[in-house]
Amino acid sequence: MARGQRKTIEEKIAEKEKLIQALKTRLKSEQGELDALYREKRDRDLEGLNQILSDAGMDIDEASDILQSYIQNREEEQSA
């Protein structure tokens, strides 16, 4: 059985470099899409929190004070 002409090492290297570059491009694109999804989730989560605060008639400063107090109390309870 006759085989096709064998590729030179230089051709193999060039093919691998081309493949790696294509994969890097795809990875960059996929990372961009993932980052956009994270931003979308963060925005949706923040909108939910904003709605909760609005329903409770609270502003961000009040909520921040309450959360900081809660965290401090919880840390004190855990260390006791």
PDB file of N, CA and C in Angstrom:
ATOM      1  N   MET A   1       0.836  -1.183   0.000  1.00  0.00           N
ATOM      2  CA  MET A   1       0.000   0.000   0.000  1.00  0.00           C
ATOM      3  C   MET A   1       0.872   1.235   0.000  1.00  0.00           C
ATOM      4  N   ALA A   2       0.605   2.101  -0.908  1.00  0.00           N
ATOM      5  CA  ALA A   2       1.383   3.327  -0.977  1.00  0.00           C
ATOM      6  C   ALA A   2       0.750   4.382  -0.080  1.00  0.00           C
ATOM      7  N   ARG A   3       1.598   5.077   0.623  1.00  0.00           N
ATOM      8  CA  ARG A   3       1.136   6.158   1.484  1.00  0.00           C
ATOM      9  C   ARG A   3       1.432   7.472   0.801  1.00  0.00           C
ATOM     10  N   GLY A   4       0.710   8.510   1.251  1.00  0.00           N
ATOM     11  CA  GLY A   4       0.987   9.836   0.737  1.00  0.00           C
ATOM     12  C   GLY A   4       2.345  10.298   1.228  1.00  0.00           C
ATOM     13  N   GLN A   5       2.780  11.379   0.673  1.00  0.00           N
ATOM     14  CA  GLN A   5       4.083  11.906   1.063  1.00  0.00           C
ATOM     15  C   GLN A   5       4.030  12.344   2.518  1.00  0.00           C
ATOM     16  N   ARG A   6       5.084  11.999   3.237  1.00  0.00           N
ATOM     17  CA  ARG A   6       5.148  12.351   4.651  1.00  0.00           C
ATOM     18  C   ARG A   6       5.404  13.842   4.798  1.00  0.00           C
ATOM     19  N   LYS A   7       4.811  14.391   5.843  1.00  0.00           N
ATOM     20  CA  LYS A   7       4.998  15.810   6.119  1.00  0.00           C
ATOM     21  C   LYS A   7       6.343  16.027   6.778  1.00  0.00           C
ATOM     22  N   THR A   8       6.926  17.149   6.460  1.00  0.00           N
ATOM     23  CA  THR A   8       8.188  17.487   7.107  1.00  0.00           C
ATOM     24  C   THR A   8       7.894  17.978   8.512  1.00  0.00           C
ATOM     25  N   ILE A   9       8.907  17.986   9.331  1.00  0.00           N
ATOM     26  CA  ILE A   9       8.761  18.463  10.690  1.00  0.00           C
ATOM     27  C   ILE A   9       8.329  19.931  10.709  1.00  0.00           C
ATOM     28  N   GLU A  10       8.811  20.688   9.741  1.00  0.00           N
ATOM     29  CA  GLU A  10       8.437  22.102   9.660  1.00  0.00           C
ATOM     30  C   GLU A  10       6.945  22.254   9.363  1.00  0.00           C
ATOM     31  N   GLU A  11       6.412  21.394   8.493  1.00  0.00           N
ATOM     32  CA  GLU A  11       4.983  21.425   8.187  1.00  0.00           C
ATOM     33  C   GLU A  11       4.153  21.031   9.416  1.00  0.00           C
ATOM     34  N   LYS A  12       4.624  20.037  10.141  1.00  0.00           N
ATOM     35  CA  LYS A  12       3.922  19.615  11.357  1.00  0.00           C
ATOM     36  C   LYS A  12       3.916  20.743  12.398  1.00  0.00           C
ATOM     37  N   ILE A  13       5.052  21.405  12.534  1.00  0.00           N
ATOM     38  CA  ILE A  13       5.145  22.528  13.477  1.00  0.00           C
ATOM     39  C   ILE A  13       4.192  23.639  13.060  1.00  0.00           C
ATOM     40  N   ALA A  14       4.178  23.968  11.784  1.00  0.00           N
ATOM     41  CA  ALA A  14       3.308  25.034  11.286  1.00  0.00           C
ATOM     42  C   ALA A  14       1.833  24.695  11.526  1.00  0.00           C
ATOM     43  N   GLU A  15       1.465  23.439  11.313  1.00  0.00           N
ATOM     44  CA  GLU A  15       0.081  23.024  11.553  1.00  0.00           C
ATOM     45  C   GLU A  15      -0.291  23.150  13.018  1.00  0.00           C
ATOM     46  N   LYS A  16       0.594  22.729  13.894  1.00  0.00           N
ATOM     47  CA  LYS A  16       0.328  22.814  15.336  1.00  0.00           C
ATOM     48  C   LYS A  16       0.233  24.271  15.780  1.00  0.00           C
ATOM     49  N   GLU A  17       1.107  25.127  15.259  1.00  0.00           N
ATOM     50  CA  GLU A  17       1.048  26.544  15.601  1.00  0.00           C
ATOM     51  C   GLU A  17      -0.280  27.150  15.148  1.00  0.00           C
ATOM     52  N   LYS A  18      -0.721  26.773  13.958  1.00  0.00           N
ATOM     53  CA  LYS A  18      -1.993  27.272  13.429  1.00  0.00           C
ATOM     54  C   LYS A  18      -3.159  26.781  14.298  1.00  0.00           C
ATOM     55  N   LEU A  19      -3.116  25.527  14.683  1.00  0.00           N
ATOM     56  CA  LEU A  19      -4.155  24.955  15.539  1.00  0.00           C
ATOM     57  C   LEU A  19      -4.191  25.661  16.893  1.00  0.00           C
ATOM     58  N   ILE A  20      -3.029  25.858  17.484  1.00  0.00           N
ATOM     59  CA  ILE A  20      -2.956  26.523  18.786  1.00  0.00           C
ATOM     60  C   ILE A  20      -3.480  27.951  18.690  1.00  0.00           C
ATOM     61  N   GLN A  21      -3.150  28.653  17.638  1.00  0.00           N
ATOM     62  CA  GLN A  21      -3.649  30.020  17.459  1.00  0.00           C
ATOM     63  C   GLN A  21      -5.163  30.027  17.330  1.00  0.00           C
ATOM     64  N   ALA A  22      -5.708  29.078  16.588  1.00  0.00           N
ATOM     65  CA  ALA A  22      -7.161  28.982  16.434  1.00  0.00           C
ATOM     66  C   ALA A  22      -7.824  28.697  17.782  1.00  0.00           C
ATOM     67  N   LEU A  23      -7.211  27.827  18.563  1.00  0.00           N
ATOM     68  CA  LEU A  23      -7.763  27.514  19.887  1.00  0.00           C
ATOM     69  C   LEU A  23      -7.683  28.716  20.825  1.00  0.00           C
ATOM     70  N   LYS A  24      -6.603  29.474  20.745  1.00  0.00           N
ATOM     71  CA  LYS A  24      -6.476  30.681  21.567  1.00  0.00           C
ATOM     72  C   LYS A  24      -7.559  31.688  21.204  1.00  0.00           C
ATOM     73  N   THR A  25      -7.821  31.828  19.906  1.00  0.00           N
ATOM     74  CA  THR A  25      -8.862  32.739  19.453  1.00  0.00           C
ATOM     75  C   THR A  25     -10.222  32.292  19.971  1.00  0.00           C
ATOM     76  N   ARG A  26     -10.484  31.013  19.870  1.00  0.00           N
ATOM     77  CA  ARG A  26     -11.766  30.491  20.361  1.00  0.00           C
ATOM     78  C   ARG A  26     -11.876  30.660  21.865  1.00  0.00           C
ATOM     79  N   LEU A  27     -10.795  30.384  22.587  1.00  0.00           N
ATOM     80  CA  LEU A  27     -10.799  30.526  24.041  1.00  0.00           C
ATOM     81  C   LEU A  27     -11.087  31.969  24.439  1.00  0.00           C
ATOM     82  N   LYS A  28     -10.487  32.917  23.736  1.00  0.00           N
ATOM     83  CA  LYS A  28     -10.721  34.333  24.013  1.00  0.00           C
ATOM     84  C   LYS A  28     -12.193  34.680  23.787  1.00  0.00           C
ATOM     85  N   SER A  29     -12.765  34.164  22.721  1.00  0.00           N
ATOM     86  CA  SER A  29     -14.168  34.400  22.420  1.00  0.00           C
ATOM     87  C   SER A  29     -15.071  33.794  23.492  1.00  0.00           C
ATOM     88  N   GLU A  30     -14.782  32.577  23.876  1.00  0.00           N
ATOM     89  CA  GLU A  30     -15.579  31.895  24.902  1.00  0.00           C
ATOM     90  C   GLU A  30     -15.461  32.619  26.240  1.00  0.00           C
ATOM     91  N   GLN A  31     -14.262  33.105  26.573  1.00  0.00           N
ATOM     92  CA  GLN A  31     -14.062  33.837  27.815  1.00  0.00           C
ATOM     93  C   GLN A  31     -14.875  35.132  27.802  1.00  0.00           C
ATOM     94  N   GLY A  32     -14.933  35.787  26.655  1.00  0.00           N
ATOM     95  CA  GLY A  32     -15.743  36.997  26.522  1.00  0.00           C
ATOM     96  C   GLY A  32     -17.218  36.713  26.773  1.00  0.00           C
ATOM     97  N   GLU A  33     -17.700  35.603  26.217  1.00  0.00           N
ATOM     98  CA  GLU A  33     -19.096  35.222  26.429  1.00  0.00           C
ATOM     99  C   GLU A  33     -19.351  34.888  27.891  1.00  0.00           C
ATOM    100  N   LEU A  34     -18.419  34.183  28.522  1.00  0.00           N
ATOM    101  CA  LEU A  34     -18.564  33.842  29.938  1.00  0.00           C
ATOM    102  C   LEU A  34     -18.582  35.104  30.796  1.00  0.00           C
ATOM    103  N   ASP A  35     -17.705  36.037  30.515  1.00  0.00           N
ATOM    104  CA  ASP A  35     -17.673  37.303  31.259  1.00  0.00           C
ATOM    105  C   ASP A  35     -18.995  38.048  31.115  1.00  0.00           C
ATOM    106  N   ALA A  36     -19.560  38.036  29.909  1.00  0.00           N
ATOM    107  CA  ALA A  36     -20.842  38.700  29.681  1.00  0.00           C
ATOM    108  C   ALA A  36     -21.951  38.030  30.492  1.00  0.00           C
ATOM    109  N   LEU A  37     -21.917  36.706  30.576  1.00  0.00           N
ATOM    110  CA  LEU A  37     -22.912  35.994  31.375  1.00  0.00           C
ATOM    111  C   LEU A  37     -22.767  36.325  32.860  1.00  0.00           C
ATOM    112  N   TYR A  38     -21.525  36.409  33.339  1.00  0.00           N
ATOM    113  CA  TYR A  38     -21.303  36.794  34.745  1.00  0.00           C
ATOM    114  C   TYR A  38     -21.842  38.199  35.008  1.00  0.00           C
ATOM    115  N   ARG A  39     -21.600  39.126  34.077  1.00  0.00           N
ATOM    116  CA  ARG A  39     -22.113  40.496  34.241  1.00  0.00           C
ATOM    117  C   ARG A  39     -23.640  40.500  34.257  1.00  0.00           C
ATOM    118  N   GLU A  40     -24.235  39.714  33.364  1.00  0.00           N
ATOM    119  CA  GLU A  40     -25.689  39.637  33.312  1.00  0.00           C
ATOM    120  C   GLU A  40     -26.257  39.088  34.621  1.00  0.00           C
ATOM    121  N   LYS A  41     -25.624  38.047  35.158  1.00  0.00           N
ATOM    122  CA  LYS A  41     -26.075  37.463  36.432  1.00  0.00           C
ATOM    123  C   LYS A  41     -25.925  38.471  37.560  1.00  0.00           C
ATOM    124  N   ARG A  42     -24.794  39.164  37.606  1.00  0.00           N
ATOM    125  CA  ARG A  42     -24.563  40.162  38.650  1.00  0.00           C
ATOM    126  C   ARG A  42     -25.620  41.262  38.574  1.00  0.00           C
ATOM    127  N   ASP A  43     -25.891  41.735  37.366  1.00  0.00           N
ATOM    128  CA  ASP A  43     -26.893  42.785  37.203  1.00  0.00           C
ATOM    129  C   ASP A  43     -28.275  42.308  37.644  1.00  0.00           C
ATOM    130  N   ARG A  44     -28.618  41.077  37.299  1.00  0.00           N
ATOM    131  CA  ARG A  44     -29.911  40.520  37.705  1.00  0.00           C
ATOM    132  C   ARG A  44     -29.985  40.381  39.224  1.00  0.00           C
ATOM    133  N   ASP A  45     -28.901  39.899  39.832  1.00  0.00           N
ATOM    134  CA  ASP A  45     -28.861  39.767  41.292  1.00  0.00           C
ATOM    135  C   ASP A  45     -28.979  41.128  41.974  1.00  0.00           C
ATOM    136  N   LEU A  46     -28.276  42.121  41.446  1.00  0.00           N
ATOM    137  CA  LEU A  46     -28.346  43.466  42.019  1.00  0.00           C
ATOM    138  C   LEU A  46     -29.738  44.063  41.873  1.00  0.00           C
ATOM    139  N   GLU A  47     -30.377  43.810  40.749  1.00  0.00           N
ATOM    140  CA  GLU A  47     -31.737  44.298  40.554  1.00  0.00           C
ATOM    141  C   GLU A  47     -32.680  43.655  41.574  1.00  0.00           C
ATOM    142  N   GLY A  48     -32.480  42.372  41.843  1.00  0.00           N
ATOM    143  CA  GLY A  48     -33.291  41.684  42.855  1.00  0.00           C
ATOM    144  C   GLY A  48     -33.092  42.291  44.233  1.00  0.00           C
ATOM    145  N   LEU A  49     -31.831  42.534  44.587  1.00  0.00           N
ATOM    146  CA  LEU A  49     -31.552  43.168  45.882  1.00  0.00           C
ATOM    147  C   LEU A  49     -32.135  44.572  45.937  1.00  0.00           C
ATOM    148  N   ASN A  50     -32.029  45.303  44.856  1.00  0.00           N
ATOM    149  CA  ASN A  50     -32.587  46.652  44.801  1.00  0.00           C
ATOM    150  C   ASN A  50     -34.100  46.619  45.013  1.00  0.00           C
ATOM    151  N   GLN A  51     -34.753  45.627  44.417  1.00  0.00           N
ATOM    152  CA  GLN A  51     -36.200  45.505  44.575  1.00  0.00           C
ATOM    153  C   GLN A  51     -36.563  45.186  46.026  1.00  0.00           C
ATOM    154  N   ILE A  52     -35.801  44.318  46.670  1.00  0.00           N
ATOM    155  CA  ILE A  52     -36.045  43.982  48.079  1.00  0.00           C
ATOM    156  C   ILE A  52     -35.902  45.229  48.947  1.00  0.00           C
ATOM    157  N   LEU A  53     -34.844  45.986  48.717  1.00  0.00           N
ATOM    158  CA  LEU A  53     -34.636  47.215  49.482  1.00  0.00           C
ATOM    159  C   LEU A  53     -35.770  48.206  49.238  1.00  0.00           C
ATOM    160  N   SER A  54     -36.171  48.330  48.005  1.00  0.00           N
ATOM    161  CA  SER A  54     -37.254  49.243  47.658  1.00  0.00           C
ATOM    162  C   SER A  54     -38.557  48.826  48.339  1.00  0.00           C
ATOM    163  N   ASP A  55     -38.862  47.538  48.303  1.00  0.00           N
ATOM    164  CA  ASP A  55     -40.078  47.024  48.947  1.00  0.00           C
ATOM    165  C   ASP A  55     -40.057  47.274  50.455  1.00  0.00           C
ATOM    166  N   ALA A  56     -38.852  47.214  51.040  1.00  0.00           N
ATOM    167  CA  ALA A  56     -38.709  47.429  52.478  1.00  0.00           C
ATOM    168  C   ALA A  56     -38.587  48.914  52.825  1.00  0.00           C
ATOM    169  N   GLY A  57     -38.535  49.772  51.829  1.00  0.00           N
ATOM    170  CA  GLY A  57     -38.399  51.199  52.070  1.00  0.00           C
ATOM    171  C   GLY A  57     -37.044  51.582  52.638  1.00  0.00           C
ATOM    172  N   MET A  58     -36.021  50.827  52.257  1.00  0.00           N
ATOM    173  CA  MET A  58     -34.673  51.068  52.770  1.00  0.00           C
ATOM    174  C   MET A  58     -33.781  51.585  51.655  1.00  0.00           C
ATOM    175  N   ASP A  59     -32.734  52.296  52.066  1.00  0.00           N
ATOM    176  CA  ASP A  59     -31.730  52.697  51.092  1.00  0.00           C
ATOM    177  C   ASP A  59     -30.470  51.855  51.316  1.00  0.00           C
ATOM    178  N   ILE A  60     -29.510  52.016  50.451  1.00  0.00           N
ATOM    179  CA  ILE A  60     -28.305  51.180  50.484  1.00  0.00           C
ATOM    180  C   ILE A  60     -27.503  51.374  51.767  1.00  0.00           C
ATOM    181  N   ASP A  61     -27.491  52.594  52.294  1.00  0.00           N
ATOM    182  CA  ASP A  61     -26.736  52.845  53.524  1.00  0.00           C
ATOM    183  C   ASP A  61     -27.333  52.102  54.711  1.00  0.00           C
ATOM    184  N   GLU A  62     -28.659  52.114  54.807  1.00  0.00           N
ATOM    185  CA  GLU A  62     -29.319  51.386  55.897  1.00  0.00           C
ATOM    186  C   GLU A  62     -29.040  49.886  55.790  1.00  0.00           C
ATOM    187  N   ALA A  63     -29.172  49.355  54.589  1.00  0.00           N
ATOM    188  CA  ALA A  63     -28.937  47.928  54.381  1.00  0.00           C
ATOM    189  C   ALA A  63     -27.488  47.573  54.697  1.00  0.00           C
ATOM    190  N   SER A  64     -26.568  48.422  54.314  1.00  0.00           N
ATOM    191  CA  SER A  64     -25.153  48.184  54.584  1.00  0.00           C
ATOM    192  C   SER A  64     -24.888  48.168  56.085  1.00  0.00           C
ATOM    193  N   ASP A  65     -25.472  49.108  56.816  1.00  0.00           N
ATOM    194  CA  ASP A  65     -25.305  49.142  58.273  1.00  0.00           C
ATOM    195  C   ASP A  65     -25.860  47.876  58.923  1.00  0.00           C
ATOM    196  N   ILE A  66     -27.024  47.452  58.465  1.00  0.00           N
ATOM    197  CA  ILE A  66     -27.641  46.242  59.024  1.00  0.00           C
ATOM    198  C   ILE A  66     -26.774  45.023  58.746  1.00  0.00           C
ATOM    199  N   LEU A  67     -26.283  44.895  57.530  1.00  0.00           N
ATOM    200  CA  LEU A  67     -25.437  43.749  57.178  1.00  0.00           C
ATOM    201  C   LEU A  67     -24.128  43.755  57.958  1.00  0.00           C
ATOM    202  N   GLN A  68     -23.519  44.927  58.097  1.00  0.00           N
ATOM    203  CA  GLN A  68     -22.269  45.006  58.857  1.00  0.00           C
ATOM    204  C   GLN A  68     -22.496  44.625  60.317  1.00  0.00           C
ATOM    205  N   SER A  69     -23.601  45.077  60.894  1.00  0.00           N
ATOM    206  CA  SER A  69     -23.931  44.725  62.273  1.00  0.00           C
ATOM    207  C   SER A  69     -24.162  43.222  62.390  1.00  0.00           C
ATOM    208  N   TYR A  70     -24.892  42.651  61.440  1.00  0.00           N
ATOM    209  CA  TYR A  70     -25.157  41.218  61.445  1.00  0.00           C
ATOM    210  C   TYR A  70     -23.860  40.417  61.361  1.00  0.00           C
ATOM    211  N   ILE A  71     -22.990  40.815  60.478  1.00  0.00           N
ATOM    212  CA  ILE A  71     -21.709  40.114  60.303  1.00  0.00           C
ATOM    213  C   ILE A  71     -20.871  40.206  61.565  1.00  0.00           C
ATOM    214  N   GLN A  72     -20.814  41.378  62.153  1.00  0.00           N
ATOM    215  CA  GLN A  72     -20.039  41.565  63.378  1.00  0.00           C
ATOM    216  C   GLN A  72     -20.598  40.695  64.503  1.00  0.00           C
ATOM    217  N   ASN A  73     -21.918  40.669  64.657  1.00  0.00           N
ATOM    218  CA  ASN A  73     -22.547  39.838  65.708  1.00  0.00           C
ATOM    219  C   ASN A  73     -22.276  38.365  65.472  1.00  0.00           C
ATOM    220  N   ARG A  74     -22.359  37.938  64.220  1.00  0.00           N
ATOM    221  CA  ARG A  74     -22.123  36.526  63.903  1.00  0.00           C
ATOM    222  C   ARG A  74     -20.678  36.135  64.188  1.00  0.00           C
ATOM    223  N   GLU A  75     -19.748  37.015  63.856  1.00  0.00           N
ATOM    224  CA  GLU A  75     -18.332  36.728  64.135  1.00  0.00           C
ATOM    225  C   GLU A  75     -18.076  36.658  65.627  1.00  0.00           C
ATOM    226  N   GLU A  76     -18.727  37.525  66.401  1.00  0.00           N
ATOM    227  CA  GLU A  76     -18.581  37.494  67.853  1.00  0.00           C
ATOM    228  C   GLU A  76     -19.154  36.221  68.429  1.00  0.00           C
ATOM    229  N   GLU A  77     -20.300  35.762  67.900  1.00  0.00           N
ATOM    230  CA  GLU A  77     -20.904  34.518  68.371  1.00  0.00           C
ATOM    231  C   GLU A  77     -20.030  33.314  68.048  1.00  0.00           C
ATOM    232  N   GLN A  78     -19.415  33.321  66.871  1.00  0.00           N
ATOM    233  CA  GLN A  78     -18.570  32.200  66.471  1.00  0.00           C
ATOM    234  C   GLN A  78     -17.284  32.138  67.275  1.00  0.00           C
ATOM    235  N   SER A  79     -16.772  33.277  67.672  1.00  0.00           N
ATOM    236  CA  SER A  79     -15.514  33.280  68.425  1.00  0.00           C
ATOM    237  C   SER A  79     -15.754  33.033  69.912  1.00  0.00           C
ATOM    238  N   ALA A  80     -16.999  33.107  70.360  1.00  0.00           N
ATOM    239  CA  ALA A  80     -17.316  32.888  71.785  1.00  0.00           C
ATOM    240  C   ALA A  80     -17.440  31.416  72.100  1.00  0.00           C
TER     241      ALA A  80
END
